[in-house]
Amino acid sequence: VVRSEFGIVEAIVEVKDANEDELANNEINSGLYAFDAAWLRRRIDSLAPSPTTGELYLTELVRLAREDGRLVTAVAFEDDGRFDGINDRSQLAAAEWNLRVRRNEQHMRDGVTMRDPSTVYLDWDVTLAPDVTLEPNVILRGGTSIGEGTLIGAGSQIVDSTVGARARVWASINESSTIEDEAKVGPLSHVRGGSVIGKGAYVGNYAELKNSRLGAGSKQGHMSYLGDTEVGEGANIGAGSITANYDGTNKHPTTIGDGAFIGVDTMIVAPRDIGKGARTGAGAVVTKDVPAGKLAVGVPARIREPGAKPDSDPATSAAGTGSSGPSEPAAGDASS
């Protein structure tokens, strides 16, 4: 901002066109103006390209106004970074930093705890209830909303998602999903678009859900995948279990009923329906629906009543009734 010896604003000079004396001035134009609209309409076409850059400068209107005998007034305010100019990526980063500091300070004044606010990144539309705790290196993006008393652990990234009250997310990624009250996610899990983690449900480490619902109180402890799956309440998904939802062309759904128990390393080939209270044995490959209360074991899985003894192995059973004593070796058999 260039002033006369009497302190009257005479011009605004762009940095690229300024001389040494003008560059030594510490009164900087913020870029916010109020004009007489009728005068502006008359004079806007008088702007000429800068001989240095070839650009049209809106700031030249100040000089034109003084040529017309109009008074130009500058209003000073404290430099808090809100009107910083941005001409390169370095200045953009500095402006984002200033904005983030102000935003984080406001959240903390409103009752949010940030263990290290310098490492917390919040988009402008993020909403945080009182008593939320954000640990270091947390990123909350888009329209994310976090409920009262919830802990978002270090290294978590949550995008366009809703997290309820008194929930906990540890070092995990949540995208376009809902985590209901008192649910727990992580560490190192991925809740993808369209998924819902029900009230009090638990998703442990190295687990992934896509377009799936884990019912209230259900558990998906570790190293498992649920795709296009509806899990009822109080169910348990064992380690290493997956729903094979994609056949190479289409995606297919799976339903797992209330109280179902999916044993470790179970593969459920969709589309499948696992009934209420049904169970699968370790390593089962489920290619048929499992009725409520039944047990599926083996590869491919066969349906049994829970508690029933397994069938005798046909390779070791004799025709008819077998003897309880040791059998005689057949001709050619090797003796022990």
Protein backbone atom coordinates (compact mmCIF):
# COMPACT_ATOMS: atom_id res chain seq x y z
CA VAL A 1 0.00 0.00 0.00
CA VAL A 2 1.57 3.29 -1.12
CA ARG A 3 0.63 6.43 0.82
CA SER A 4 1.40 10.07 0.24
CA GLU A 5 3.43 12.15 2.67
CA PHE A 6 0.11 13.09 4.25
CA GLY A 7 -0.86 9.44 4.81
CA ILE A 8 -3.45 9.28 2.03
CA VAL A 9 -3.66 6.00 0.11
CA GLU A 10 -2.44 6.68 -3.43
CA ALA A 11 -1.92 3.23 -4.95
CA ILE A 12 -1.51 -0.48 -4.42
CA VAL A 13 1.56 -1.87 -6.15
CA GLU A 14 1.99 -5.56 -6.93
CA VAL A 15 5.20 -7.16 -5.64
CA LYS A 16 6.46 -7.93 -9.14
CA ASP A 17 6.14 -4.25 -10.12
CA ALA A 18 7.35 -2.68 -6.86
CA ASN A 19 10.63 -0.82 -6.37
CA GLU A 20 12.92 -1.22 -3.35
CA ASP A 21 11.28 1.57 -1.36
CA GLU A 22 7.82 0.14 -1.96
CA LEU A 23 8.97 -3.37 -1.00
CA ALA A 24 10.27 -2.00 2.31
CA ASN A 25 6.72 -0.98 3.24
CA ASN A 26 5.05 -3.38 5.70
CA GLU A 27 1.45 -2.29 5.02
CA ILE A 28 0.07 -5.08 2.85
CA ASN A 29 -3.10 -5.22 0.76
CA SER A 30 -5.45 -7.98 1.95
CA GLY A 31 -7.44 -8.13 -1.28
CA LEU A 32 -10.80 -7.18 0.26
CA TYR A 33 -12.44 -4.09 -1.31
CA ALA A 34 -15.62 -2.03 -1.20
CA PHE A 35 -16.33 0.18 -4.24
CA ASP A 36 -18.91 2.70 -5.37
CA ALA A 37 -20.64 0.40 -7.85
CA ALA A 38 -21.60 3.12 -10.33
CA TRP A 39 -18.02 4.45 -10.46
CA LEU A 40 -16.64 0.90 -10.75
CA ARG A 41 -18.82 0.14 -13.77
CA ARG A 42 -17.53 3.28 -15.49
CA ARG A 43 -13.84 2.71 -14.78
CA ILE A 44 -13.34 -1.04 -14.86
CA ASP A 45 -12.65 -0.96 -18.61
CA SER A 46 -9.80 1.50 -18.02
CA LEU A 47 -7.58 -1.20 -16.55
CA ALA A 48 -4.51 -1.83 -18.70
CA PRO A 49 -2.13 -4.81 -18.66
CA SER A 50 0.96 -4.53 -16.48
CA PRO A 51 4.08 -3.82 -18.55
CA THR A 52 5.95 -6.32 -16.35
CA THR A 53 3.60 -9.32 -16.30
CA GLY A 54 0.91 -8.53 -18.87
CA GLU A 55 -1.76 -9.12 -16.21
CA LEU A 56 -4.75 -6.92 -15.41
CA TYR A 57 -4.54 -5.81 -11.78
CA LEU A 58 -7.72 -4.99 -9.87
CA THR A 59 -5.50 -2.99 -7.52
CA GLU A 60 -4.99 -0.41 -10.29
CA LEU A 61 -8.49 0.83 -9.49
CA VAL A 62 -7.02 2.59 -6.46
CA ARG A 63 -4.78 4.71 -8.70
CA LEU A 64 -7.69 5.42 -11.06
CA ALA A 65 -9.86 6.50 -8.12
CA ARG A 66 -7.18 8.95 -6.97
CA GLU A 67 -6.89 10.30 -10.53
CA ASP A 68 -10.62 10.99 -10.36
CA GLY A 69 -10.15 12.85 -7.07
CA ARG A 70 -11.84 10.20 -4.98
CA LEU A 71 -10.73 9.44 -1.44
CA VAL A 72 -9.42 5.94 -0.79
CA THR A 73 -9.38 4.66 2.79
CA ALA A 74 -7.46 1.67 4.14
CA VAL A 75 -8.79 -0.19 7.19
CA ALA A 76 -6.06 -1.86 9.25
CA PHE A 77 -6.55 -5.15 11.12
CA GLU A 78 -4.35 -7.60 12.98
CA ASP A 79 -2.53 -10.02 10.68
CA ASP A 80 -3.83 -13.45 11.71
CA GLY A 81 -3.15 -15.10 8.36
CA ARG A 82 -6.72 -15.04 7.17
CA PHE A 83 -5.92 -12.78 4.19
CA ASP A 84 -2.58 -14.31 3.23
CA GLY A 85 -1.90 -14.34 -0.49
CA ILE A 86 -1.33 -17.74 -2.11
CA ASN A 87 0.86 -17.84 -5.20
CA ASP A 88 2.68 -21.17 -4.84
CA ARG A 89 2.48 -24.50 -3.00
CA SER A 90 4.64 -23.26 -0.14
CA GLN A 91 2.28 -20.36 0.57
CA LEU A 92 -0.69 -22.72 0.23
CA ALA A 93 0.79 -25.01 2.89
CA ALA A 94 1.40 -22.04 5.20
CA ALA A 95 -2.18 -20.81 4.75
CA GLU A 96 -3.57 -24.28 5.44
CA TRP A 97 -1.44 -24.50 8.59
CA ASN A 98 -2.79 -21.19 9.91
CA LEU A 99 -6.37 -22.24 9.18
CA ARG A 100 -5.85 -25.63 10.84
CA VAL A 101 -4.37 -24.07 13.97
CA ARG A 102 -7.37 -21.74 14.37
CA ARG A 103 -9.85 -24.56 13.71
CA ASN A 104 -8.20 -26.95 16.17
CA GLU A 105 -7.99 -24.27 18.86
CA GLN A 106 -11.73 -23.63 18.51
CA HIS A 107 -12.53 -27.34 18.87
CA MET A 108 -10.38 -27.54 22.01
CA ARG A 109 -12.14 -24.52 23.50
CA ASP A 110 -15.40 -26.38 22.82
CA GLY A 111 -14.28 -29.38 24.88
CA VAL A 112 -12.34 -31.61 22.48
CA THR A 113 -9.05 -33.11 23.69
CA MET A 114 -6.16 -33.21 21.20
CA ARG A 115 -3.01 -34.94 22.46
CA ASP A 116 -0.90 -33.20 19.80
CA PRO A 117 -2.98 -30.63 17.89
CA SER A 118 -0.14 -29.92 15.46
CA THR A 119 -0.64 -33.40 13.95
CA VAL A 120 -4.46 -33.43 13.82
CA TYR A 121 -5.99 -32.67 10.41
CA LEU A 122 -9.70 -31.77 10.30
CA ASP A 123 -11.73 -30.72 7.27
CA TRP A 124 -13.96 -27.70 7.83
CA ASP A 125 -17.22 -29.69 7.79
CA VAL A 126 -16.11 -32.16 10.49
CA THR A 127 -18.24 -32.01 13.66
CA LEU A 128 -16.94 -33.08 17.07
CA ALA A 129 -19.03 -33.47 20.22
CA PRO A 130 -17.67 -32.52 23.67
CA ASP A 131 -15.21 -34.90 25.34
CA VAL A 132 -14.01 -36.41 22.07
CA THR A 133 -10.32 -37.36 22.30
CA LEU A 134 -8.09 -37.22 19.23
CA GLU A 135 -4.67 -38.80 19.53
CA PRO A 136 -1.69 -37.78 17.33
CA ASN A 137 -1.73 -38.20 13.54
CA VAL A 138 -5.52 -38.32 13.18
CA ILE A 139 -7.14 -37.25 9.89
CA LEU A 140 -10.89 -36.54 9.76
CA ARG A 141 -12.22 -35.63 6.33
CA GLY A 142 -15.42 -34.60 4.59
CA GLY A 143 -18.64 -34.57 6.60
CA THR A 144 -17.36 -36.83 9.38
CA SER A 145 -19.15 -36.61 12.73
CA ILE A 146 -17.76 -37.93 16.04
CA GLY A 147 -20.02 -38.50 19.07
CA GLU A 148 -19.50 -37.52 22.69
CA GLY A 149 -16.80 -39.30 24.67
CA THR A 150 -15.35 -41.17 21.69
CA LEU A 151 -11.64 -41.89 21.33
CA ILE A 152 -10.01 -41.72 17.89
CA GLY A 153 -6.62 -43.38 18.25
CA ALA A 154 -3.29 -42.44 16.72
CA GLY A 155 -2.97 -43.05 12.99
CA SER A 156 -6.71 -43.23 12.26
CA GLN A 157 -8.25 -41.76 9.11
CA ILE A 158 -12.02 -41.29 8.93
CA VAL A 159 -13.71 -40.03 5.76
CA ASP A 160 -17.37 -39.00 5.40
CA SER A 161 -18.36 -41.27 8.28
CA THR A 162 -20.38 -41.14 11.48
CA VAL A 163 -18.95 -42.42 14.76
CA GLY A 164 -21.34 -42.60 17.72
CA ALA A 165 -20.83 -41.82 21.39
CA ARG A 166 -18.31 -43.63 23.63
CA ALA A 167 -16.89 -45.55 20.68
CA ARG A 168 -13.23 -46.29 20.00
CA VAL A 169 -11.26 -46.36 16.76
CA TRP A 170 -7.60 -47.37 16.89
CA ALA A 171 -5.21 -46.87 13.96
CA SER A 172 -7.85 -47.76 11.35
CA ILE A 173 -9.45 -46.38 8.19
CA ASN A 174 -13.19 -45.77 7.93
CA GLU A 175 -14.79 -44.59 4.70
CA SER A 176 -18.45 -43.62 4.17
CA SER A 177 -19.47 -45.86 7.06
CA THR A 178 -21.26 -45.75 10.41
CA ILE A 179 -19.83 -46.85 13.75
CA GLU A 180 -22.58 -46.86 16.35
CA ASP A 181 -22.39 -46.06 20.07
CA GLU A 182 -19.86 -48.02 22.16
CA ALA A 183 -18.51 -49.95 19.17
CA LYS A 184 -14.79 -50.64 18.84
CA VAL A 185 -12.69 -50.79 15.68
CA GLY A 186 -9.01 -51.65 15.29
CA PRO A 187 -6.16 -51.54 15.41
CA LEU A 188 -5.30 -51.78 11.71
CA SER A 189 -8.74 -52.51 10.27
CA HIS A 190 -10.60 -51.08 7.28
CA VAL A 191 -14.32 -50.25 7.35
CA ARG A 192 -15.31 -49.48 3.76
CA GLY A 193 -18.25 -47.72 2.16
CA GLY A 194 -21.78 -48.68 3.13
CA SER A 195 -20.76 -50.57 6.26
CA VAL A 196 -22.34 -50.28 9.71
CA ILE A 197 -20.74 -51.43 12.96
CA GLY A 198 -23.62 -51.91 15.39
CA LYS A 199 -23.87 -50.75 18.98
CA GLY A 200 -21.24 -52.39 21.16
CA ALA A 201 -19.92 -54.47 18.27
CA TYR A 202 -16.21 -55.17 17.94
CA VAL A 203 -13.96 -55.21 14.88
CA GLY A 204 -10.45 -56.21 15.90
CA ASN A 205 -7.14 -56.08 14.06
CA TYR A 206 -6.56 -56.75 10.36
CA ALA A 207 -10.28 -57.02 9.59
CA GLU A 208 -12.15 -55.53 6.64
CA LEU A 209 -15.82 -54.88 5.91
CA LYS A 210 -17.31 -53.69 2.64
CA ASN A 211 -21.00 -52.79 2.33
CA SER A 212 -21.70 -54.95 5.37
CA ARG A 213 -23.44 -54.67 8.72
CA LEU A 214 -22.08 -56.16 11.93
CA GLY A 215 -25.01 -56.36 14.34
CA ALA A 216 -25.09 -55.07 17.90
CA GLY A 217 -22.71 -56.95 20.17
CA SER A 218 -21.25 -59.05 17.36
CA LYS A 219 -17.51 -59.65 17.07
CA GLN A 220 -15.15 -59.85 14.13
CA GLY A 221 -11.93 -60.30 16.05
CA HIS A 222 -9.12 -60.51 13.56
CA MET A 223 -7.88 -61.23 10.04
CA SER A 224 -11.24 -61.62 8.32
CA TYR A 225 -13.26 -60.14 5.47
CA LEU A 226 -16.99 -59.48 5.23
CA GLY A 227 -18.25 -58.30 1.85
CA ASP A 228 -21.95 -57.58 1.14
CA THR A 229 -22.78 -59.33 4.40
CA GLU A 230 -25.52 -58.83 6.98
CA VAL A 231 -24.52 -60.16 10.40
CA GLY A 232 -27.15 -60.29 13.14
CA GLU A 233 -26.72 -59.51 16.82
CA GLY A 234 -24.40 -61.39 19.14
CA ALA A 235 -22.66 -63.33 16.38
CA ASN A 236 -18.98 -64.28 16.31
CA ILE A 237 -16.79 -64.23 13.19
CA GLY A 238 -13.70 -66.39 13.74
CA ALA A 239 -10.15 -65.50 12.71
CA GLY A 240 -9.36 -66.00 9.03
CA SER A 241 -13.02 -66.28 7.99
CA ILE A 242 -14.30 -64.61 4.83
CA THR A 243 -17.44 -64.23 2.78
CA ALA A 244 -16.48 -64.94 -0.84
CA ASN A 245 -18.86 -62.41 -2.37
CA TYR A 246 -17.40 -62.02 -5.87
CA ASP A 247 -17.62 -64.74 -8.54
CA GLY A 248 -15.54 -62.85 -11.07
CA THR A 249 -18.58 -61.18 -12.62
CA ASN A 250 -21.12 -60.33 -9.91
CA LYS A 251 -21.21 -59.59 -6.19
CA HIS A 252 -23.45 -61.78 -4.01
CA PRO A 253 -24.84 -61.27 -0.48
CA THR A 254 -24.47 -63.34 2.67
CA THR A 255 -26.72 -63.31 5.73
CA ILE A 256 -25.48 -64.54 9.12
CA GLY A 257 -28.18 -64.79 11.78
CA ASP A 258 -28.28 -63.67 15.40
CA GLY A 259 -25.97 -65.63 17.68
CA ALA A 260 -24.29 -67.54 14.85
CA PHE A 261 -20.75 -68.81 15.42
CA ILE A 262 -18.44 -68.80 12.40
CA GLY A 263 -15.43 -70.98 13.20
CA VAL A 264 -11.87 -69.99 12.36
CA ASP A 265 -10.83 -70.10 8.72
CA THR A 266 -14.39 -70.58 7.43
CA MET A 267 -15.02 -69.69 3.79
CA ILE A 268 -18.65 -68.84 3.01
CA VAL A 269 -19.27 -68.92 -0.75
CA ALA A 270 -22.03 -66.38 -1.44
CA PRO A 271 -24.92 -66.18 -1.90
CA ARG A 272 -25.49 -67.95 1.41
CA ASP A 273 -27.78 -67.80 4.41
CA ILE A 274 -26.39 -68.89 7.77
CA GLY A 275 -29.32 -69.28 10.15
CA LYS A 276 -29.84 -67.98 13.66
CA GLY A 277 -27.59 -69.79 16.14
CA ALA A 278 -25.93 -71.86 13.40
CA ARG A 279 -22.27 -72.84 13.67
CA THR A 280 -19.43 -73.70 11.32
CA GLY A 281 -16.40 -75.80 12.16
CA ALA A 282 -12.82 -74.68 11.70
CA GLY A 283 -11.78 -74.64 8.05
CA ALA A 284 -15.29 -75.26 6.69
CA VAL A 285 -16.05 -74.29 3.08
CA VAL A 286 -19.75 -73.46 3.12
CA THR A 287 -21.39 -73.85 -0.29
CA LYS A 288 -24.97 -74.42 0.92
CA ASP A 289 -27.25 -72.59 3.32
CA VAL A 290 -26.93 -73.61 6.97
CA PRO A 291 -30.30 -73.86 8.77
CA ALA A 292 -30.83 -72.22 12.14
CA GLY A 293 -29.17 -74.10 14.99
CA LYS A 294 -27.28 -76.51 12.72
CA LEU A 295 -23.56 -77.19 12.41
CA ALA A 296 -21.62 -77.14 9.11
CA VAL A 297 -18.21 -78.85 8.97
CA GLY A 298 -15.77 -80.05 6.36
CA VAL A 299 -14.82 -79.31 2.74
CA PRO A 300 -17.32 -78.88 1.27
CA ALA A 301 -19.24 -78.37 4.49
CA ARG A 302 -21.87 -80.94 5.50
CA ILE A 303 -24.77 -80.20 7.82
CA ARG A 304 -24.86 -81.93 11.21
CA GLU A 305 -26.72 -81.59 14.44
CA PRO A 306 -24.57 -79.79 17.02
CA GLY A 307 -22.94 -82.34 19.34
CA ALA A 308 -23.45 -85.28 16.96
CA LYS A 309 -20.48 -87.62 16.58
CA PRO A 310 -18.77 -87.47 13.21
CA ASP A 311 -19.38 -90.32 10.78
CA SER A 312 -16.79 -93.11 10.75
CA ASP A 313 -14.07 -92.66 8.18
CA PRO A 314 -15.03 -95.02 5.31
CA ALA A 315 -11.38 -95.69 4.62
CA THR A 316 -10.96 -97.40 8.00
CA SER A 317 -14.43 -98.95 8.50
CA ALA A 318 -15.20 -102.57 7.55
CA ALA A 319 -18.46 -103.51 5.88
CA GLY A 320 -21.13 -104.35 8.44
CA THR A 321 -20.17 -104.24 12.12
CA GLY A 322 -16.57 -103.80 13.10
CA SER A 323 -14.68 -105.70 15.78
CA SER A 324 -13.43 -103.90 18.82
CA GLY A 325 -10.14 -105.81 18.68
CA PRO A 326 -7.25 -105.44 16.32
CA SER A 327 -7.96 -106.68 12.81
CA GLU A 328 -5.81 -109.12 10.95
CA PRO A 329 -3.75 -107.54 8.21
CA ALA A 330 -4.95 -108.34 4.71
CA ALA A 331 -2.71 -110.10 2.26
CA GLY A 332 -0.01 -107.76 1.11
CA ASP A 333 -0.55 -105.34 4.00
CA ALA A 334 2.47 -104.28 5.94
CA SER A 335 2.47 -105.23 9.59
CA SER A 336 3.37 -102.80 12.30
